[in-house]
Amino acid sequence: MIQFKPFRAVRPAKNRAQSVTTQNVDYYSKDEIEKTLSQNPDSYLQIIKPTLVHSEDAKSKRYDEVRHNFEQFMDDEVMMRDLSSFYIYQQENRGSIITGVIGLVSVDDFNNGLIKKHENTIEEREKIFANYLNSIHIQADPVLLTFPENQSIELLFSMVTRQTPTLEFTGMDNRPHRLWQVKDRLIMKQLKDAIEKLDALYIGDGHHRMSSGALYSETQRNSNEDYHGLEAFNYTMAILIPSNQLQIFDFNRMVKDLNGLSEEEFLAKVSEIFTVLEKDEPYYPSHKNHISMYLNGKYYGLYVHQELRGVPKGLGELDTFLWEEHLMRPILGIENSRTDKRIGFSKGTGDINGILKMQEKVDSGEYKVAFGFYPISFPDLQLVADLNLTMPPKSTYIEPKFLSAMTIFDLAD
């Protein structure tokens, strides 16, 4: 059975949420980081500053400074620690209101397959994140988990969100954010029971955070052989959002050359695998099994032949997999899309704009050919995860994205 627990979150004081919370640090340029550090003393970036600004200090010392800064923010009442609670979180994104619940999930549930993944992770990144946790013992970004839509859970969400939010502000991403602290014991129990009745949870975003949390837990368990299983290091902070509220966008590919083929030879080989139709205007795939291609100023629609669809079970439902198996490897000669530098990836926008962005890169000569994909559906994501398979890299771009330090899980508490 899935475990779902409330926790004593550290969060911004009511009048500080807008200034404390940040986008994930990967979204900032070096100049933006320096500007924020110089202008906003409340920013979460101030807490992790020792890891952002070049220093000759040993890594362990810099991590100690992060922990000190975190505790100083609480001493200065920029942030506060709540009693044990769940949190209902809401974000307005692209015209939709997205609602989820924040709590703790069990690392054992991840290890035992009740929290299911659909992507492989990079071992080096896992270890970096785990070492970071081992030093500072705080999680400021939740793992995004999802589940098939559930009326009982969404009814509980609506009961809570009729009340005045604990925090309500416009974030650094220019989106409205709201947070409700759930302290009512009955509603907490109902939320816990409803979540724990689910058959499984699926990672939408945060595979590396989930895996590094498991590595962190393993390290802590090895250091505490008499652990009883309820310690903080056995859990990871997560936000759970129904699948009908996720926004899954396309993730597209660009390739630098045609593997020594002329354009005519390349099109001939592609036509053996796909039905190829030239388009009169920029083409965004309208359905699954439709792929857009841009080559030498022309757009083409590639349509997967019927006998290839759904083969093998699970992965065969993914156009990114079919493209790798039948075009990327045998025609373009790219064996591993994770490591080959001839291939580039481009986040889609769910419309023609993502395709046009790739066209610019092809027209500039940076790439030779570009391919656009129809977004993968949640049922196909779920099928791949249920079969313990993994998608090709960068098959999905999932929103919502969350602000760092909205809630922080203090593993040393």
Protein backbone atom coordinates (compact mmCIF):
# COMPACT_ATOMS: atom_id res chain seq x y z
CA MET A 1 0.00 0.00 0.00
CA ILE A 2 1.21 3.51 -0.84
CA GLN A 3 2.36 5.64 2.08
CA PHE A 4 1.49 9.34 2.20
CA LYS A 5 2.39 11.46 5.22
CA PRO A 6 2.02 15.05 6.42
CA PHE A 7 5.18 16.91 7.45
CA ARG A 8 6.45 19.99 9.29
CA ALA A 9 7.19 22.14 6.27
CA VAL A 10 9.37 25.22 6.36
CA ARG A 11 7.70 27.85 4.18
CA PRO A 12 7.87 31.60 3.55
CA ALA A 13 6.21 33.92 6.04
CA LYS A 14 2.93 35.25 4.65
CA ASN A 15 4.33 38.60 3.52
CA ARG A 16 7.56 37.12 2.13
CA ALA A 17 6.36 34.40 -0.30
CA GLN A 18 6.83 36.48 -3.44
CA SER A 19 10.37 37.50 -2.51
CA VAL A 20 11.52 34.12 -1.12
CA THR A 21 10.34 31.67 -3.80
CA THR A 22 12.34 31.27 -6.98
CA GLN A 23 12.24 29.31 -10.16
CA ASN A 24 14.50 26.29 -10.25
CA VAL A 25 18.09 27.48 -10.33
CA ASP A 26 18.60 25.89 -13.76
CA TYR A 27 16.28 28.54 -15.25
CA TYR A 28 18.64 31.39 -14.33
CA SER A 29 21.62 32.70 -16.23
CA LYS A 30 24.75 33.68 -14.32
CA ASP A 31 23.85 37.37 -14.70
CA GLU A 32 20.31 36.76 -13.44
CA ILE A 33 21.65 34.94 -10.38
CA GLU A 34 24.05 37.80 -9.61
CA LYS A 35 21.28 40.38 -10.05
CA THR A 36 18.91 38.50 -7.74
CA LEU A 37 21.59 38.06 -5.07
CA SER A 38 22.40 41.78 -5.15
CA GLN A 39 18.80 43.02 -5.12
CA ASN A 40 16.74 40.53 -3.10
CA PRO A 41 17.99 39.59 0.38
CA ASP A 42 14.97 37.29 0.91
CA SER A 43 15.49 35.10 -2.16
CA TYR A 44 15.98 31.38 -1.68
CA LEU A 45 19.05 31.85 -3.88
CA GLN A 46 20.63 33.58 -0.86
CA ILE A 47 20.36 30.29 1.05
CA ILE A 48 22.13 28.28 -1.65
CA LYS A 49 24.48 31.13 -2.58
CA PRO A 50 27.62 29.23 -1.44
CA THR A 51 26.97 26.65 -4.20
CA LEU A 52 26.23 29.28 -6.86
CA VAL A 53 29.15 31.65 -6.40
CA HIS A 54 32.62 30.36 -7.19
CA SER A 55 34.60 29.73 -4.05
CA GLU A 56 37.89 28.06 -3.20
CA ASP A 57 36.33 26.68 -0.04
CA ALA A 58 35.95 22.94 0.24
CA LYS A 59 32.60 21.63 -0.91
CA SER A 60 31.76 20.46 2.62
CA LYS A 61 32.30 23.97 3.98
CA ARG A 62 30.08 25.49 1.29
CA TYR A 63 27.35 22.98 2.12
CA ASP A 64 27.67 23.87 5.82
CA GLU A 65 27.11 27.50 4.86
CA VAL A 66 23.92 26.56 2.99
CA ARG A 67 22.58 24.88 6.11
CA HIS A 68 23.55 27.89 8.21
CA ASN A 69 21.81 30.28 5.80
CA PHE A 70 18.66 28.13 5.89
CA GLU A 71 18.52 28.25 9.67
CA GLN A 72 19.25 31.99 9.64
CA PHE A 73 16.21 32.57 7.42
CA MET A 74 14.08 30.88 10.07
CA ASP A 75 15.72 32.83 12.91
CA ASP A 76 15.01 36.05 11.01
CA GLU A 77 11.39 34.94 10.46
CA VAL A 78 11.74 35.19 6.70
CA MET A 79 10.62 31.56 6.76
CA MET A 80 8.66 29.64 9.36
CA ARG A 81 8.15 26.03 10.38
CA ASP A 82 4.58 24.72 10.47
CA LEU A 83 3.07 21.98 12.54
CA SER A 84 2.65 18.66 10.74
CA SER A 85 0.34 19.28 7.79
CA PHE A 86 -0.58 18.48 4.23
CA TYR A 87 -0.73 21.36 1.74
CA ILE A 88 -3.10 21.98 -1.12
CA TYR A 89 -1.31 23.87 -3.87
CA GLN A 90 -2.83 25.68 -6.82
CA GLN A 91 -1.25 27.31 -9.86
CA GLU A 92 -2.78 29.14 -12.81
CA ASN A 93 -0.98 28.01 -15.93
CA ARG A 94 -1.81 28.65 -19.60
CA GLY A 95 -5.44 29.43 -18.80
CA SER A 96 -5.93 26.39 -16.54
CA ILE A 97 -6.12 26.06 -12.77
CA ILE A 98 -4.00 23.15 -11.56
CA THR A 99 -4.49 21.76 -8.06
CA GLY A 100 -2.48 19.18 -6.13
CA VAL A 101 -1.52 18.05 -2.64
CA ILE A 102 1.96 18.24 -1.10
CA GLY A 103 3.13 15.63 1.40
CA LEU A 104 5.75 12.95 1.92
CA VAL A 105 6.02 9.70 -0.03
CA SER A 106 8.04 6.65 0.93
CA VAL A 107 11.39 5.84 -0.64
CA ASP A 108 10.48 2.16 -0.16
CA ASP A 109 7.42 2.64 -2.37
CA PHE A 110 9.75 3.90 -5.10
CA ASN A 111 12.18 1.01 -4.60
CA ASN A 112 9.32 -1.50 -4.63
CA GLY A 113 7.63 -0.14 -7.75
CA LEU A 114 4.56 1.54 -6.26
CA ILE A 115 5.98 4.87 -7.42
CA LYS A 116 6.66 4.21 -11.08
CA LYS A 117 9.13 5.86 -13.43
CA HIS A 118 9.10 6.19 -17.19
CA GLU A 119 12.58 7.65 -17.74
CA ASN A 120 16.12 6.53 -17.04
CA THR A 121 18.29 8.75 -14.89
CA ILE A 122 21.95 9.67 -15.18
CA GLU A 123 23.89 8.04 -12.36
CA GLU A 124 26.34 10.93 -12.00
CA ARG A 125 23.52 13.45 -11.50
CA GLU A 126 21.85 11.15 -8.96
CA LYS A 127 25.04 11.01 -6.91
CA ILE A 128 25.54 14.79 -7.07
CA PHE A 129 22.03 15.42 -5.75
CA ALA A 130 22.36 12.69 -3.10
CA ASN A 131 25.66 14.13 -1.84
CA TYR A 132 23.99 17.53 -1.65
CA LEU A 133 21.19 16.07 0.47
CA ASN A 134 23.68 14.28 2.70
CA SER A 135 25.29 17.63 3.48
CA ILE A 136 22.43 20.11 3.81
CA HIS A 137 19.47 17.80 4.58
CA ILE A 138 16.80 19.95 2.91
CA GLN A 139 14.53 19.42 -0.09
CA ALA A 140 13.19 22.63 -1.61
CA ASP A 141 11.69 21.17 -4.80
CA PRO A 142 9.00 18.48 -4.78
CA VAL A 143 8.88 15.48 -7.06
CA LEU A 144 5.82 15.72 -9.32
CA LEU A 145 3.73 12.56 -9.06
CA THR A 146 0.49 11.88 -10.86
CA PHE A 147 -2.39 9.41 -10.79
CA PRO A 148 -5.54 8.71 -12.83
CA GLU A 149 -8.26 11.27 -12.12
CA ASN A 150 -10.07 10.51 -8.87
CA GLN A 151 -13.32 12.21 -7.86
CA SER A 152 -12.87 11.58 -4.13
CA ILE A 153 -9.48 13.27 -4.06
CA GLU A 154 -10.57 16.18 -6.23
CA LEU A 155 -13.63 16.71 -3.99
CA LEU A 156 -11.30 17.06 -1.01
CA PHE A 157 -9.25 19.58 -2.98
CA SER A 158 -12.36 21.65 -3.67
CA MET A 159 -13.39 21.60 0.02
CA VAL A 160 -10.04 23.06 1.06
CA THR A 161 -9.72 25.61 -1.74
CA ARG A 162 -13.02 27.26 -0.78
CA GLN A 163 -11.17 28.65 2.24
CA THR A 164 -8.76 31.60 2.37
CA PRO A 165 -5.27 30.54 1.21
CA THR A 166 -2.36 30.53 3.62
CA LEU A 167 -0.21 32.05 0.86
CA GLU A 168 -1.36 33.79 -2.32
CA PHE A 169 0.98 35.67 -4.63
CA THR A 170 2.33 36.08 -8.15
CA GLY A 171 5.65 34.28 -8.49
CA MET A 172 8.86 34.95 -10.37
CA ASP A 173 7.31 33.01 -13.25
CA ASN A 174 4.49 35.63 -13.45
CA ARG A 175 1.91 32.99 -12.54
CA PRO A 176 -0.56 33.13 -9.63
CA HIS A 177 0.25 30.65 -6.85
CA ARG A 178 -1.86 29.67 -3.84
CA LEU A 179 -1.10 27.40 -0.89
CA TRP A 180 -3.46 26.10 1.79
CA GLN A 181 -2.10 24.52 4.97
CA VAL A 182 -4.36 21.56 5.83
CA LYS A 183 -4.50 21.23 9.62
CA ASP A 184 -8.01 19.83 10.08
CA ARG A 185 -7.49 16.27 11.35
CA LEU A 186 -10.54 14.86 9.56
CA ILE A 187 -9.58 16.29 6.17
CA MET A 188 -5.96 15.21 6.71
CA LYS A 189 -7.15 11.65 7.39
CA GLN A 190 -9.45 11.69 4.37
CA LEU A 191 -6.64 12.90 2.12
CA LYS A 192 -4.23 10.31 3.48
CA ASP A 193 -6.76 7.47 3.11
CA ALA A 194 -7.76 8.49 -0.43
CA ILE A 195 -4.16 8.71 -1.64
CA GLU A 196 -3.15 5.46 0.01
CA LYS A 197 -6.00 3.61 -1.75
CA LEU A 198 -4.44 4.36 -5.14
CA ASP A 199 -2.84 1.40 -6.89
CA ALA A 200 0.27 3.35 -7.87
CA LEU A 201 1.76 6.80 -8.38
CA TYR A 202 3.61 7.85 -11.53
CA ILE A 203 6.57 10.22 -11.73
CA GLY A 204 5.67 13.11 -14.00
CA ASP A 205 8.74 15.24 -13.35
CA GLY A 206 11.67 14.82 -10.98
CA HIS A 207 13.09 11.39 -11.76
CA HIS A 208 16.55 12.50 -10.57
CA ARG A 209 15.13 14.02 -7.36
CA MET A 210 13.29 10.78 -6.60
CA SER A 211 16.32 8.61 -7.35
CA SER A 212 18.69 10.82 -5.37
CA GLY A 213 16.26 10.71 -2.45
CA ALA A 214 16.49 6.93 -2.55
CA LEU A 215 20.31 7.09 -2.59
CA TYR A 216 20.25 9.55 0.31
CA SER A 217 17.99 7.20 2.26
CA GLU A 218 20.29 4.26 1.57
CA THR A 219 23.30 6.21 2.88
CA GLN A 220 21.46 7.28 6.02
CA ARG A 221 20.22 3.75 6.68
CA ASN A 222 23.74 2.40 6.38
CA SER A 223 24.83 4.95 8.97
CA ASN A 224 21.89 4.17 11.27
CA GLU A 225 21.62 0.39 11.36
CA ASP A 226 18.97 0.50 14.09
CA TYR A 227 16.64 2.74 12.05
CA HIS A 228 12.94 1.97 12.51
CA GLY A 229 11.57 3.22 9.17
CA LEU A 230 9.78 6.37 10.31
CA GLU A 231 12.81 8.67 10.20
CA ALA A 232 12.66 11.64 7.81
CA PHE A 233 15.35 10.11 5.59
CA ASN A 234 12.90 7.38 4.57
CA TYR A 235 10.69 9.93 2.77
CA THR A 236 10.73 12.43 -0.07
CA MET A 237 8.62 15.56 -0.54
CA ALA A 238 6.21 15.26 -3.46
CA ILE A 239 3.28 17.04 -5.01
CA LEU A 240 0.50 14.78 -6.30
CA ILE A 241 -1.60 16.10 -9.20
CA PRO A 242 -4.38 14.22 -11.04
CA SER A 243 -3.39 13.23 -14.57
CA ASN A 244 -6.30 15.15 -16.12
CA GLN A 245 -4.67 18.37 -14.86
CA LEU A 246 -1.18 17.67 -16.23
CA GLN A 247 -0.09 19.45 -19.38
CA ILE A 248 2.16 17.19 -21.46
CA PHE A 249 3.99 18.90 -24.31
CA ASP A 250 6.04 17.60 -27.20
CA PHE A 251 9.82 17.24 -27.04
CA ASN A 252 11.32 17.45 -30.51
CA ARG A 253 14.56 16.46 -32.26
CA MET A 254 17.04 18.10 -34.62
CA VAL A 255 19.94 16.34 -36.37
CA LYS A 256 23.11 17.92 -37.73
CA ASP A 257 23.55 15.80 -40.87
CA LEU A 258 21.97 13.07 -43.01
CA ASN A 259 24.61 10.42 -42.28
CA GLY A 260 26.32 10.92 -45.64
CA LEU A 261 23.10 10.64 -47.66
CA SER A 262 21.92 13.14 -50.22
CA GLU A 263 18.50 14.66 -49.56
CA GLU A 264 17.00 12.50 -52.30
CA GLU A 265 18.56 9.32 -50.87
CA PHE A 266 17.42 10.25 -47.37
CA LEU A 267 13.81 10.89 -48.47
CA ALA A 268 13.78 7.62 -50.38
CA LYS A 269 14.87 5.63 -47.33
CA VAL A 270 12.37 7.45 -45.08
CA SER A 271 9.61 6.67 -47.60
CA GLU A 272 10.28 2.95 -47.15
CA ILE A 273 9.24 3.23 -43.48
CA PHE A 274 6.73 6.08 -43.40
CA THR A 275 4.17 7.52 -45.75
CA VAL A 276 5.77 10.88 -46.67
CA LEU A 277 3.68 13.83 -47.85
CA GLU A 278 5.12 17.27 -48.65
CA LYS A 279 3.26 20.14 -46.97
CA ASP A 280 2.57 23.62 -48.34
CA GLU A 281 3.04 25.30 -44.94
CA PRO A 282 4.61 24.68 -41.51
CA TYR A 283 3.21 21.44 -40.17
CA TYR A 284 2.45 20.55 -36.54
CA PRO A 285 1.44 16.88 -36.08
CA SER A 286 -2.31 16.63 -35.58
CA HIS A 287 -2.41 13.10 -34.16
CA LYS A 288 -0.35 10.36 -32.59
CA ASN A 289 1.66 8.46 -35.26
CA HIS A 290 2.03 11.68 -37.27
CA ILE A 291 5.51 13.25 -37.31
CA SER A 292 6.55 16.61 -38.71
CA MET A 293 9.81 16.92 -40.65
CA TYR A 294 11.57 20.07 -41.88
CA LEU A 295 14.34 19.69 -44.46
CA ASN A 296 15.89 22.24 -46.83
CA GLY A 297 13.06 24.77 -46.58
CA LYS A 298 10.27 22.22 -46.94
CA TYR A 299 7.87 20.61 -44.46
CA TYR A 300 6.80 16.98 -44.66
CA GLY A 301 4.31 14.84 -42.81
CA LEU A 302 5.62 11.38 -41.88
CA TYR A 303 2.86 8.87 -41.15
CA VAL A 304 3.79 5.67 -39.33
CA HIS A 305 2.76 2.56 -41.26
CA GLN A 306 -0.02 0.61 -39.57
CA GLU A 307 2.01 -2.56 -39.03
CA LEU A 308 4.61 -0.64 -36.98
CA ARG A 309 2.15 0.99 -34.60
CA GLY A 310 2.05 -0.44 -31.09
CA VAL A 311 5.01 -2.77 -31.68
CA PRO A 312 6.37 -3.72 -29.21
CA LYS A 313 3.67 -3.29 -26.57
CA GLY A 314 4.16 -0.14 -24.56
CA LEU A 315 7.11 1.49 -26.28
CA GLY A 316 5.50 0.96 -29.68
CA GLU A 317 2.83 3.47 -28.63
CA LEU A 318 5.45 6.23 -28.56
CA ASP A 319 6.32 8.12 -31.73
CA THR A 320 9.72 9.00 -30.25
CA PHE A 321 10.48 5.27 -29.90
CA LEU A 322 9.25 4.43 -33.40
CA TRP A 323 11.34 7.30 -34.79
CA GLU A 324 14.46 6.02 -33.02
CA GLU A 325 13.93 2.40 -34.06
CA HIS A 326 13.00 2.96 -37.70
CA LEU A 327 14.65 6.24 -38.69
CA MET A 328 17.28 7.48 -36.24
CA ARG A 329 19.30 4.27 -35.93
CA PRO A 330 19.02 2.60 -39.35
CA ILE A 331 18.91 5.73 -41.53
CA LEU A 332 20.68 8.50 -39.60
CA GLY A 333 23.16 6.11 -37.97
CA ILE A 334 22.63 7.46 -34.43
CA GLU A 335 22.83 4.55 -32.00
CA ASN A 336 22.37 6.36 -28.70
CA SER A 337 20.33 9.56 -28.51
CA ARG A 338 21.59 10.18 -24.97
CA THR A 339 25.21 10.55 -25.99
CA ASP A 340 25.46 11.29 -29.72
CA LYS A 341 26.29 14.98 -30.26
CA ARG A 342 24.73 14.98 -33.73
CA ILE A 343 21.26 15.15 -32.16
CA GLY A 344 19.69 18.11 -30.37
CA PHE A 345 16.45 18.38 -28.43
CA SER A 346 13.92 21.20 -28.42
CA LYS A 347 11.06 21.67 -25.94
CA GLY A 348 7.77 21.94 -27.74
CA THR A 349 4.94 24.34 -27.05
CA GLY A 350 1.97 22.17 -27.99
CA ASP A 351 1.50 24.17 -31.19
CA ILE A 352 3.25 25.37 -34.34
CA ASN A 353 5.53 27.77 -32.44
CA GLY A 354 7.81 24.96 -31.27
CA ILE A 355 8.10 23.76 -34.86
CA LEU A 356 8.97 27.24 -36.10
CA LYS A 357 11.68 27.53 -33.45
CA MET A 358 13.35 24.44 -34.90
CA GLN A 359 12.96 25.79 -38.43
CA GLU A 360 15.10 28.78 -37.46
CA LYS A 361 17.91 26.47 -36.29
CA VAL A 362 17.79 24.45 -39.49
CA ASP A 363 17.69 27.55 -41.67
CA SER A 364 20.71 28.94 -39.80
CA GLY A 365 22.72 25.86 -40.73
CA GLU A 366 23.12 24.69 -37.14
CA TYR A 367 21.07 21.57 -37.97
CA LYS A 368 20.23 19.82 -41.22
CA VAL A 369 16.80 18.35 -40.42
CA ALA A 370 14.18 18.68 -37.67
CA PHE A 371 11.40 16.39 -36.44
CA GLY A 372 8.31 17.38 -34.46
CA PHE A 373 6.14 14.99 -32.44
CA TYR A 374 2.57 14.93 -31.17
CA PRO A 375 2.57 15.03 -27.33
CA ILE A 376 2.55 11.67 -25.56
CA SER A 377 -0.68 10.97 -23.66
CA PHE A 378 -0.89 10.05 -19.99
CA PRO A 379 -2.38 6.59 -20.75
CA ASP A 380 0.69 5.80 -22.89
CA LEU A 381 3.01 7.14 -20.18
CA GLN A 382 1.16 4.99 -17.64
CA LEU A 383 1.40 1.89 -19.85
CA VAL A 384 5.17 2.28 -20.26
CA ALA A 385 5.62 2.73 -16.51
CA ASP A 386 3.34 -0.22 -15.65
CA LEU A 387 5.41 -2.46 -17.93
CA ASN A 388 8.62 -1.27 -16.19
CA LEU A 389 9.88 0.18 -19.46
CA THR A 390 11.57 3.51 -20.07
CA MET A 391 10.93 6.04 -22.80
CA PRO A 392 13.61 7.44 -25.08
CA PRO A 393 15.25 10.51 -23.49
CA LYS A 394 13.30 13.74 -23.56
CA SER A 395 10.06 12.24 -24.78
CA THR A 396 7.87 14.52 -22.67
CA TYR A 397 7.91 18.03 -21.28
CA ILE A 398 5.43 18.16 -18.43
CA GLU A 399 3.90 21.16 -16.69
CA PRO A 400 3.22 22.57 -14.18
CA LYS A 401 6.68 23.57 -13.03
CA PHE A 402 6.97 24.63 -9.41
CA LEU A 403 8.71 27.37 -7.50
CA SER A 404 11.56 26.41 -5.18
CA ALA A 405 11.06 27.01 -1.45
CA MET A 406 7.26 27.16 -1.54
CA THR A 407 7.53 24.34 0.99
CA ILE A 408 10.81 22.90 2.22
CA PHE A 409 11.22 19.45 3.76
CA ASP A 410 13.84 19.65 6.51
CA LEU A 411 15.30 16.16 6.70
CA ALA A 412 17.20 17.09 9.86
CA ASP A 413 14.04 18.07 11.75
